[in-house]
All heavy atoms as atom14 arrays in JSON, in Angstrom:
{
  "sequence": "SLGIIYFHQGSARKKGIYFEKALTYLGFVPVRCHEKYNLRKRS",
  "atom14_mask": [
    [1, 1, 1, 1, 1, 1, 0, 0, 0, 0, 0, 0, 0, 0],
    [1, 1, 1, 1, 1, 1, 1, 1, 0, 0, 0, 0, 0, 0],
    [1, 1, 1, 1, 0, 0, 0, 0, 0, 0, 0, 0, 0, 0],
    [1, 1, 1, 1, 1, 1, 1, 1, 0, 0, 0, 0, 0, 0],
    [1, 1, 1, 1, 1, 1, 1, 1, 0, 0, 0, 0, 0, 0],
    [1, 1, 1, 1, 1, 1, 1, 1, 1, 1, 1, 1, 0, 0],
    [1, 1, 1, 1, 1, 1, 1, 1, 1, 1, 1, 0, 0, 0],
    [1, 1, 1, 1, 1, 1, 1, 1, 1, 1, 0, 0, 0, 0],
    [1, 1, 1, 1, 1, 1, 1, 1, 1, 0, 0, 0, 0, 0],
    [1, 1, 1, 1, 0, 0, 0, 0, 0, 0, 0, 0, 0, 0],
    [1, 1, 1, 1, 1, 1, 0, 0, 0, 0, 0, 0, 0, 0],
    [1, 1, 1, 1, 1, 0, 0, 0, 0, 0, 0, 0, 0, 0],
    [1, 1, 1, 1, 1, 1, 1, 1, 1, 1, 1, 0, 0, 0],
    [1, 1, 1, 1, 1, 1, 1, 1, 1, 0, 0, 0, 0, 0],
    [1, 1, 1, 1, 1, 1, 1, 1, 1, 0, 0, 0, 0, 0],
    [1, 1, 1, 1, 0, 0, 0, 0, 0, 0, 0, 0, 0, 0],
    [1, 1, 1, 1, 1, 1, 1, 1, 0, 0, 0, 0, 0, 0],
    [1, 1, 1, 1, 1, 1, 1, 1, 1, 1, 1, 1, 0, 0],
    [1, 1, 1, 1, 1, 1, 1, 1, 1, 1, 1, 0, 0, 0],
    [1, 1, 1, 1, 1, 1, 1, 1, 1, 0, 0, 0, 0, 0],
    [1, 1, 1, 1, 1, 1, 1, 1, 1, 0, 0, 0, 0, 0],
    [1, 1, 1, 1, 1, 0, 0, 0, 0, 0, 0, 0, 0, 0],
    [1, 1, 1, 1, 1, 1, 1, 1, 0, 0, 0, 0, 0, 0],
    [1, 1, 1, 1, 1, 1, 1, 0, 0, 0, 0, 0, 0, 0],
    [1, 1, 1, 1, 1, 1, 1, 1, 1, 1, 1, 1, 0, 0],
    [1, 1, 1, 1, 1, 1, 1, 1, 0, 0, 0, 0, 0, 0],
    [1, 1, 1, 1, 0, 0, 0, 0, 0, 0, 0, 0, 0, 0],
    [1, 1, 1, 1, 1, 1, 1, 1, 1, 1, 1, 0, 0, 0],
    [1, 1, 1, 1, 1, 1, 1, 0, 0, 0, 0, 0, 0, 0],
    [1, 1, 1, 1, 1, 1, 1, 0, 0, 0, 0, 0, 0, 0],
    [1, 1, 1, 1, 1, 1, 1, 0, 0, 0, 0, 0, 0, 0],
    [1, 1, 1, 1, 1, 1, 1, 1, 1, 1, 1, 0, 0, 0],
    [1, 1, 1, 1, 1, 1, 0, 0, 0, 0, 0, 0, 0, 0],
    [1, 1, 1, 1, 1, 1, 1, 1, 1, 1, 0, 0, 0, 0],
    [1, 1, 1, 1, 1, 1, 1, 1, 1, 0, 0, 0, 0, 0],
    [1, 1, 1, 1, 1, 1, 1, 1, 1, 0, 0, 0, 0, 0],
    [1, 1, 1, 1, 1, 1, 1, 1, 1, 1, 1, 1, 0, 0],
    [1, 1, 1, 1, 1, 1, 1, 1, 0, 0, 0, 0, 0, 0],
    [1, 1, 1, 1, 1, 1, 1, 1, 0, 0, 0, 0, 0, 0],
    [1, 1, 1, 1, 1, 1, 1, 1, 1, 1, 1, 0, 0, 0],
    [1, 1, 1, 1, 1, 1, 1, 1, 1, 0, 0, 0, 0, 0],
    [1, 1, 1, 1, 1, 1, 1, 1, 1, 1, 1, 0, 0, 0],
    [1, 1, 1, 1, 1, 1, 0, 0, 0, 0, 0, 0, 0, 0]
  ],
  "atom14_positions": [
    [[4.6, -0.41, -5.36], [3.83, -0.99, -6.47], [2.94, -2.13, -5.97], [1.75, -2.22, -6.34], [4.77, -1.52, -7.56], [5.5, -0.48, -8.16], [0.0, 0.0, 0.0], [0.0, 0.0, 0.0], [0.0, 0.0, 0.0], [0.0, 0.0, 0.0], [0.0, 0.0, 0.0], [0.0, 0.0, 0.0], [0.0, 0.0, 0.0], [0.0, 0.0, 0.0]],
    [[3.48, -3.0, -5.12], [2.69, -4.09, -4.56], [1.59, -3.56, -3.66], [0.47, -4.1, -3.62], [3.6, -5.05, -3.79], [4.52, -5.91, -4.67], [5.6, -6.59, -3.83], [3.71, -6.95, -5.43], [0.0, 0.0, 0.0], [0.0, 0.0, 0.0], [0.0, 0.0, 0.0], [0.0, 0.0, 0.0], [0.0, 0.0, 0.0], [0.0, 0.0, 0.0]],
    [[1.88, -2.48, -2.93], [0.85, -1.84, -2.12], [-0.29, -1.33, -2.98], [-1.48, -1.51, -2.64], [0.0, 0.0, 0.0], [0.0, 0.0, 0.0], [0.0, 0.0, 0.0], [0.0, 0.0, 0.0], [0.0, 0.0, 0.0], [0.0, 0.0, 0.0], [0.0, 0.0, 0.0], [0.0, 0.0, 0.0], [0.0, 0.0, 0.0], [0.0, 0.0, 0.0]],
    [[0.05, -0.72, -4.11], [-0.97, -0.21, -5.05], [-1.79, -1.36, -5.61], [-3.03, -1.29, -5.68], [-0.28, 0.58, -6.19], [0.34, 1.86, -5.64], [-1.28, 0.9, -7.3], [1.26, 2.57, -6.63], [0.0, 0.0, 0.0], [0.0, 0.0, 0.0], [0.0, 0.0, 0.0], [0.0, 0.0, 0.0], [0.0, 0.0, 0.0], [0.0, 0.0, 0.0]],
    [[-1.12, -2.42, -6.04], [-1.81, -3.55, -6.66], [-2.78, -4.2, -5.68], [-3.96, -4.44, -6.01], [-0.77, -4.58, -7.17], [-0.05, -4.02, -8.41], [-1.44, -5.92, -7.5], [1.11, -4.87, -8.89], [0.0, 0.0, 0.0], [0.0, 0.0, 0.0], [0.0, 0.0, 0.0], [0.0, 0.0, 0.0], [0.0, 0.0, 0.0], [0.0, 0.0, 0.0]],
    [[-2.33, -4.48, -4.46], [-3.21, -5.15, -3.49], [-4.32, -4.24, -3.0], [-5.43, -4.7, -2.71], [-2.38, -5.68, -2.32], [-1.64, -6.95, -2.66], [-0.25, -7.01, -2.63], [-2.35, -8.1, -3.03], [0.42, -8.17, -2.97], [-1.68, -9.27, -3.36], [-0.29, -9.3, -3.33], [0.36, -10.46, -3.67], [0.0, 0.0, 0.0], [0.0, 0.0, 0.0]],
    [[-4.06, -2.93, -2.93], [-5.13, -2.0, -2.54], [-6.25, -2.03, -3.57], [-7.44, -2.13, -3.21], [-4.58, -0.58, -2.41], [-5.66, 0.47, -2.41], [-6.51, 0.63, -1.32], [-5.85, 1.29, -3.53], [-7.52, 1.58, -1.33], [-6.86, 2.24, -3.54], [-7.69, 2.39, -2.45], [0.0, 0.0, 0.0], [0.0, 0.0, 0.0], [0.0, 0.0, 0.0]],
    [[-5.91, -1.95, -4.84], [-6.94, -1.93, -5.89], [-7.65, -3.28, -5.99], [-8.85, -3.33, -6.27], [-6.32, -1.55, -7.23], [-6.06, -0.07, -7.36], [-7.05, 0.82, -7.7], [-4.94, 0.66, -7.17], [-6.55, 2.05, -7.74], [-5.27, 1.98, -7.42], [0.0, 0.0, 0.0], [0.0, 0.0, 0.0], [0.0, 0.0, 0.0], [0.0, 0.0, 0.0]],
    [[-6.93, -4.37, -5.76], [-7.58, -5.67, -5.76], [-8.57, -5.78, -4.59], [-9.67, -6.33, -4.75], [-6.54, -6.78, -5.66], [-5.77, -7.0, -6.97], [-4.8, -8.16, -6.88], [-4.1, -8.31, -5.89], [-4.74, -8.97, -7.93], [0.0, 0.0, 0.0], [0.0, 0.0, 0.0], [0.0, 0.0, 0.0], [0.0, 0.0, 0.0], [0.0, 0.0, 0.0]],
    [[-8.19, -5.25, -3.44], [-9.09, -5.26, -2.29], [-10.34, -4.43, -2.55], [-11.45, -4.83, -2.19], [0.0, 0.0, 0.0], [0.0, 0.0, 0.0], [0.0, 0.0, 0.0], [0.0, 0.0, 0.0], [0.0, 0.0, 0.0], [0.0, 0.0, 0.0], [0.0, 0.0, 0.0], [0.0, 0.0, 0.0], [0.0, 0.0, 0.0], [0.0, 0.0, 0.0]],
    [[-10.16, -3.27, -3.17], [-11.3, -2.41, -3.48], [-12.24, -3.05, -4.48], [-13.47, -2.93, -4.37], [-10.79, -1.07, -4.03], [-10.02, -0.39, -3.07], [0.0, 0.0, 0.0], [0.0, 0.0, 0.0], [0.0, 0.0, 0.0], [0.0, 0.0, 0.0], [0.0, 0.0, 0.0], [0.0, 0.0, 0.0], [0.0, 0.0, 0.0], [0.0, 0.0, 0.0]],
    [[-11.65, -3.74, -5.48], [-12.47, -4.35, -6.52], [-13.19, -5.61, -6.03], [-14.33, -5.86, -6.4], [-11.6, -4.67, -7.73], [0.0, 0.0, 0.0], [0.0, 0.0, 0.0], [0.0, 0.0, 0.0], [0.0, 0.0, 0.0], [0.0, 0.0, 0.0], [0.0, 0.0, 0.0], [0.0, 0.0, 0.0], [0.0, 0.0, 0.0], [0.0, 0.0, 0.0]],
    [[-12.53, -6.39, -5.18], [-13.08, -7.68, -4.76], [-13.68, -7.67, -3.36], [-14.2, -8.69, -2.9], [-12.0, -8.75, -4.87], [-11.5, -8.91, -6.31], [-10.26, -9.79, -6.41], [-9.8, -9.85, -7.8], [-8.67, -10.42, -8.19], [-7.88, -10.98, -7.29], [-8.33, -10.44, -9.46], [0.0, 0.0, 0.0], [0.0, 0.0, 0.0], [0.0, 0.0, 0.0]],
    [[-13.55, -6.53, -2.67], [-14.13, -6.37, -1.34], [-13.64, -7.45, -0.37], [-14.42, -8.05, 0.37], [-15.66, -6.38, -1.41], [-16.25, -5.36, -2.36], [-15.85, -3.95, -1.99], [-16.42, -2.92, -2.97], [-15.92, -1.56, -2.7], [0.0, 0.0, 0.0], [0.0, 0.0, 0.0], [0.0, 0.0, 0.0], [0.0, 0.0, 0.0], [0.0, 0.0, 0.0]],
    [[-12.33, -7.7, -0.4], [-11.75, -8.69, 0.5], [-10.63, -8.06, 1.31], [-9.67, -7.52, 0.76], [-11.21, -9.89, -0.29], [-12.31, -10.74, -0.94], [-11.71, -11.98, -1.6], [-12.81, -12.86, -2.2], [-12.24, -14.07, -2.84], [0.0, 0.0, 0.0], [0.0, 0.0, 0.0], [0.0, 0.0, 0.0], [0.0, 0.0, 0.0], [0.0, 0.0, 0.0]],
    [[-10.76, -8.16, 2.64], [-9.8, -7.52, 3.54], [-8.4, -8.08, 3.45], [-7.43, -7.38, 3.78], [0.0, 0.0, 0.0], [0.0, 0.0, 0.0], [0.0, 0.0, 0.0], [0.0, 0.0, 0.0], [0.0, 0.0, 0.0], [0.0, 0.0, 0.0], [0.0, 0.0, 0.0], [0.0, 0.0, 0.0], [0.0, 0.0, 0.0], [0.0, 0.0, 0.0]],
    [[-8.26, -9.34, 2.99], [-6.94, -9.95, 2.92], [-6.01, -9.16, 2.01], [-4.8, -9.07, 2.24], [-7.04, -11.42, 2.43], [-5.67, -12.1, 2.46], [-7.66, -11.49, 1.04], [-5.1, -12.27, 3.82], [0.0, 0.0, 0.0], [0.0, 0.0, 0.0], [0.0, 0.0, 0.0], [0.0, 0.0, 0.0], [0.0, 0.0, 0.0], [0.0, 0.0, 0.0]],
    [[-6.57, -8.57, 0.97], [-5.75, -7.77, 0.05], [-5.27, -6.48, 0.71], [-4.13, -6.05, 0.49], [-6.55, -7.43, -1.22], [-6.83, -8.63, -2.09], [-8.12, -9.14, -2.21], [-5.81, -9.27, -2.79], [-8.39, -10.25, -3.0], [-6.07, -10.37, -3.6], [-7.36, -10.86, -3.69], [-7.62, -11.96, -4.48], [0.0, 0.0, 0.0], [0.0, 0.0, 0.0]],
    [[-6.12, -5.86, 1.53], [-5.71, -4.65, 2.23], [-4.6, -4.97, 3.24], [-3.67, -4.17, 3.42], [-6.9, -4.02, 2.95], [-7.98, -3.52, 2.03], [-9.3, -3.9, 2.2], [-7.67, -2.68, 0.97], [-10.29, -3.45, 1.36], [-8.66, -2.22, 0.11], [-9.98, -2.61, 0.29], [0.0, 0.0, 0.0], [0.0, 0.0, 0.0], [0.0, 0.0, 0.0]],
    [[-4.7, -6.13, 3.88], [-3.65, -6.54, 4.82], [-2.32, -6.72, 4.09], [-1.26, -6.32, 4.6], [-4.05, -7.85, 5.51], [-5.23, -7.72, 6.47], [-4.91, -6.82, 7.65], [-3.71, -6.67, 7.99], [-5.86, -6.28, 8.24], [0.0, 0.0, 0.0], [0.0, 0.0, 0.0], [0.0, 0.0, 0.0], [0.0, 0.0, 0.0], [0.0, 0.0, 0.0]],
    [[-2.36, -7.31, 2.9], [-1.13, -7.48, 2.12], [-0.57, -6.12, 1.7], [0.65, -5.91, 1.73], [-1.41, -8.32, 0.88], [-1.65, -9.81, 1.18], [-1.84, -10.59, -0.11], [-1.99, -12.08, 0.18], [-2.17, -12.87, -1.07], [0.0, 0.0, 0.0], [0.0, 0.0, 0.0], [0.0, 0.0, 0.0], [0.0, 0.0, 0.0], [0.0, 0.0, 0.0]],
    [[-1.47, -5.21, 1.32], [-1.02, -3.87, 0.93], [-0.31, -3.18, 2.1], [0.76, -2.58, 1.93], [-2.21, -3.03, 0.46], [0.0, 0.0, 0.0], [0.0, 0.0, 0.0], [0.0, 0.0, 0.0], [0.0, 0.0, 0.0], [0.0, 0.0, 0.0], [0.0, 0.0, 0.0], [0.0, 0.0, 0.0], [0.0, 0.0, 0.0], [0.0, 0.0, 0.0]],
    [[-0.89, -3.29, 3.29], [-0.29, -2.68, 4.48], [1.06, -3.31, 4.8], [2.0, -2.62, 5.24], [-1.22, -2.83, 5.68], [-2.47, -1.95, 5.68], [-3.38, -2.31, 6.86], [-2.1, -0.47, 5.74], [0.0, 0.0, 0.0], [0.0, 0.0, 0.0], [0.0, 0.0, 0.0], [0.0, 0.0, 0.0], [0.0, 0.0, 0.0], [0.0, 0.0, 0.0]],
    [[1.17, -4.61, 4.58], [2.44, -5.3, 4.85], [3.55, -4.74, 3.98], [4.64, -4.4, 4.47], [2.3, -6.81, 4.59], [1.32, -7.34, 5.49], [3.63, -7.52, 4.8], [0.0, 0.0, 0.0], [0.0, 0.0, 0.0], [0.0, 0.0, 0.0], [0.0, 0.0, 0.0], [0.0, 0.0, 0.0], [0.0, 0.0, 0.0], [0.0, 0.0, 0.0]],
    [[3.29, -4.59, 2.69], [4.33, -4.08, 1.78], [4.62, -2.61, 2.03], [5.77, -2.17, 1.96], [3.92, -4.32, 0.33], [4.09, -5.77, -0.08], [2.99, -6.57, -0.33], [5.37, -6.32, -0.22], [3.14, -7.91, -0.7], [5.53, -7.66, -0.58], [4.41, -8.44, -0.82], [4.59, -9.75, -1.16], [0.0, 0.0, 0.0], [0.0, 0.0, 0.0]],
    [[3.59, -1.82, 2.33], [3.81, -0.4, 2.62], [4.6, -0.23, 3.92], [5.33, 0.75, 4.09], [2.48, 0.34, 2.72], [1.7, 0.5, 1.41], [0.36, 1.16, 1.66], [2.49, 1.28, 0.38], [0.0, 0.0, 0.0], [0.0, 0.0, 0.0], [0.0, 0.0, 0.0], [0.0, 0.0, 0.0], [0.0, 0.0, 0.0], [0.0, 0.0, 0.0]],
    [[4.49, -1.21, 4.8], [5.24, -1.16, 6.05], [6.74, -1.28, 5.83], [7.54, -0.88, 6.69], [0.0, 0.0, 0.0], [0.0, 0.0, 0.0], [0.0, 0.0, 0.0], [0.0, 0.0, 0.0], [0.0, 0.0, 0.0], [0.0, 0.0, 0.0], [0.0, 0.0, 0.0], [0.0, 0.0, 0.0], [0.0, 0.0, 0.0], [0.0, 0.0, 0.0]],
    [[7.15, -1.85, 4.71], [8.56, -1.97, 4.39], [9.15, -0.67, 3.83], [10.37, -0.54, 3.7], [8.78, -3.09, 3.36], [8.42, -4.46, 3.86], [7.78, -5.37, 3.04], [8.71, -4.83, 5.16], [7.45, -6.64, 3.5], [8.39, -6.1, 5.63], [7.75, -7.01, 4.8], [0.0, 0.0, 0.0], [0.0, 0.0, 0.0], [0.0, 0.0, 0.0]],
    [[8.28, 0.29, 3.48], [8.74, 1.57, 2.94], [9.23, 2.43, 4.09], [8.49, 2.68, 5.05], [7.6, 2.29, 2.19], [8.09, 3.65, 1.67], [7.09, 1.44, 1.04], [0.0, 0.0, 0.0], [0.0, 0.0, 0.0], [0.0, 0.0, 0.0], [0.0, 0.0, 0.0], [0.0, 0.0, 0.0], [0.0, 0.0, 0.0], [0.0, 0.0, 0.0]],
    [[10.48, 2.9, 4.07], [11.03, 3.69, 5.18], [10.19, 4.92, 5.51], [9.63, 5.55, 4.61], [12.43, 4.09, 4.67], [12.76, 3.09, 3.62], [11.47, 2.72, 2.98], [0.0, 0.0, 0.0], [0.0, 0.0, 0.0], [0.0, 0.0, 0.0], [0.0, 0.0, 0.0], [0.0, 0.0, 0.0], [0.0, 0.0, 0.0], [0.0, 0.0, 0.0]],
    [[10.1, 5.25, 6.78], [9.33, 6.42, 7.21], [9.93, 7.7, 6.64], [9.22, 8.6, 6.19], [9.3, 6.5, 8.75], [8.59, 7.78, 9.2], [8.61, 5.27, 9.33], [0.0, 0.0, 0.0], [0.0, 0.0, 0.0], [0.0, 0.0, 0.0], [0.0, 0.0, 0.0], [0.0, 0.0, 0.0], [0.0, 0.0, 0.0], [0.0, 0.0, 0.0]],
    [[11.25, 7.78, 6.63], [11.93, 8.98, 6.15], [12.41, 8.78, 4.7], [13.59, 8.9, 4.4], [13.12, 9.32, 7.05], [12.73, 9.63, 8.47], [13.92, 10.04, 9.31], [13.55, 10.31, 10.68], [13.04, 11.46, 11.11], [12.86, 12.44, 10.25], [12.72, 11.63, 12.38], [0.0, 0.0, 0.0], [0.0, 0.0, 0.0], [0.0, 0.0, 0.0]],
    [[11.48, 8.47, 3.83], [11.83, 8.31, 2.41], [11.57, 9.63, 1.67], [11.03, 10.58, 2.23], [11.02, 7.18, 1.78], [9.23, 7.4, 1.87], [0.0, 0.0, 0.0], [0.0, 0.0, 0.0], [0.0, 0.0, 0.0], [0.0, 0.0, 0.0], [0.0, 0.0, 0.0], [0.0, 0.0, 0.0], [0.0, 0.0, 0.0], [0.0, 0.0, 0.0]],
    [[11.96, 9.67, 0.4], [11.76, 10.87, -0.42], [10.28, 11.2, -0.51], [9.43, 10.31, -0.49], [12.34, 10.63, -1.81], [12.43, 11.87, -2.65], [11.34, 12.41, -3.3], [13.49, 12.67, -2.94], [11.72, 13.5, -3.96], [13.01, 13.68, -3.75], [0.0, 0.0, 0.0], [0.0, 0.0, 0.0], [0.0, 0.0, 0.0], [0.0, 0.0, 0.0]],
    [[9.96, 12.49, -0.61], [8.56, 12.91, -0.58], [7.75, 12.32, -1.73], [6.53, 12.12, -1.59], [8.45, 14.43, -0.59], [9.0, 15.11, -1.82], [9.04, 16.63, -1.65], [9.08, 17.11, -0.52], [9.05, 17.3, -2.68], [0.0, 0.0, 0.0], [0.0, 0.0, 0.0], [0.0, 0.0, 0.0], [0.0, 0.0, 0.0], [0.0, 0.0, 0.0]],
    [[8.39, 12.02, -2.87], [7.63, 11.44, -3.98], [7.09, 10.05, -3.61], [6.08, 9.61, -4.15], [8.49, 11.34, -5.25], [9.68, 10.42, -5.16], [10.5, 10.46, -6.43], [11.75, 9.58, -6.33], [12.6, 9.69, -7.54], [0.0, 0.0, 0.0], [0.0, 0.0, 0.0], [0.0, 0.0, 0.0], [0.0, 0.0, 0.0], [0.0, 0.0, 0.0]],
    [[7.77, 9.37, -2.67], [7.28, 8.09, -2.17], [6.43, 8.29, -0.92], [5.45, 7.57, -0.71], [8.46, 7.17, -1.85], [9.35, 6.9, -3.04], [10.72, 7.12, -2.98], [8.82, 6.43, -4.24], [11.55, 6.89, -4.07], [9.63, 6.19, -5.34], [11.0, 6.42, -5.24], [11.78, 6.19, -6.33], [0.0, 0.0, 0.0], [0.0, 0.0, 0.0]],
    [[6.8, 9.25, -0.11], [6.08, 9.52, 1.13], [4.62, 9.89, 0.85], [3.7, 9.41, 1.53], [6.77, 10.66, 1.89], [6.71, 10.45, 3.39], [5.7, 9.99, 3.91], [7.79, 10.78, 4.08], [0.0, 0.0, 0.0], [0.0, 0.0, 0.0], [0.0, 0.0, 0.0], [0.0, 0.0, 0.0], [0.0, 0.0, 0.0], [0.0, 0.0, 0.0]],
    [[4.4, 10.73, -0.15], [3.04, 11.16, -0.49], [2.2, 9.98, -0.97], [1.03, 9.83, -0.6], [3.08, 12.24, -1.56], [3.66, 13.59, -1.14], [3.79, 14.51, -2.35], [2.78, 14.25, -0.07], [0.0, 0.0, 0.0], [0.0, 0.0, 0.0], [0.0, 0.0, 0.0], [0.0, 0.0, 0.0], [0.0, 0.0, 0.0], [0.0, 0.0, 0.0]],
    [[2.8, 9.13, -1.78], [2.06, 7.96, -2.29], [1.73, 7.0, -1.14], [0.61, 6.48, -1.06], [2.89, 7.23, -3.36], [3.01, 7.97, -4.68], [3.83, 7.15, -5.66], [4.08, 7.86, -6.9], [3.32, 7.81, -7.98], [2.22, 7.09, -7.96], [3.63, 8.47, -9.07], [0.0, 0.0, 0.0], [0.0, 0.0, 0.0], [0.0, 0.0, 0.0]],
    [[2.71, 6.76, -0.3], [2.5, 5.83, 0.82], [1.4, 6.34, 1.75], [0.47, 5.59, 2.11], [3.81, 5.65, 1.6], [3.65, 4.8, 2.85], [4.94, 4.75, 3.66], [4.75, 4.01, 4.98], [5.98, 3.94, 5.78], [0.0, 0.0, 0.0], [0.0, 0.0, 0.0], [0.0, 0.0, 0.0], [0.0, 0.0, 0.0], [0.0, 0.0, 0.0]],
    [[1.49, 7.61, 2.14], [0.54, 8.16, 3.1], [-0.88, 8.2, 2.52], [-1.86, 7.9, 3.21], [0.97, 9.56, 3.54], [2.22, 9.56, 4.43], [2.66, 10.98, 4.72], [3.89, 11.02, 5.5], [3.95, 10.98, 6.83], [2.83, 10.91, 7.53], [5.12, 11.03, 7.45], [0.0, 0.0, 0.0], [0.0, 0.0, 0.0], [0.0, 0.0, 0.0]],
    [[-1.01, 8.59, 1.26], [-2.35, 8.66, 0.65], [-2.94, 7.26, 0.49], [-4.16, 7.08, 0.63], [-2.28, 9.37, -0.7], [-1.41, 8.69, -1.59], [0.0, 0.0, 0.0], [0.0, 0.0, 0.0], [0.0, 0.0, 0.0], [0.0, 0.0, 0.0], [0.0, 0.0, 0.0], [0.0, 0.0, 0.0], [0.0, 0.0, 0.0], [0.0, 0.0, 0.0]]
  ]
}
């Protein structure tokens, strides 16, 4: 959810700091998670 929020904020405000925050939170999502989360994370 935080990855989604910061991604959209970065897209709307054109600031890279938001994308970095999004990547940070997505990095906490396990690599071998359920596909319903894996698809969202990868996309």
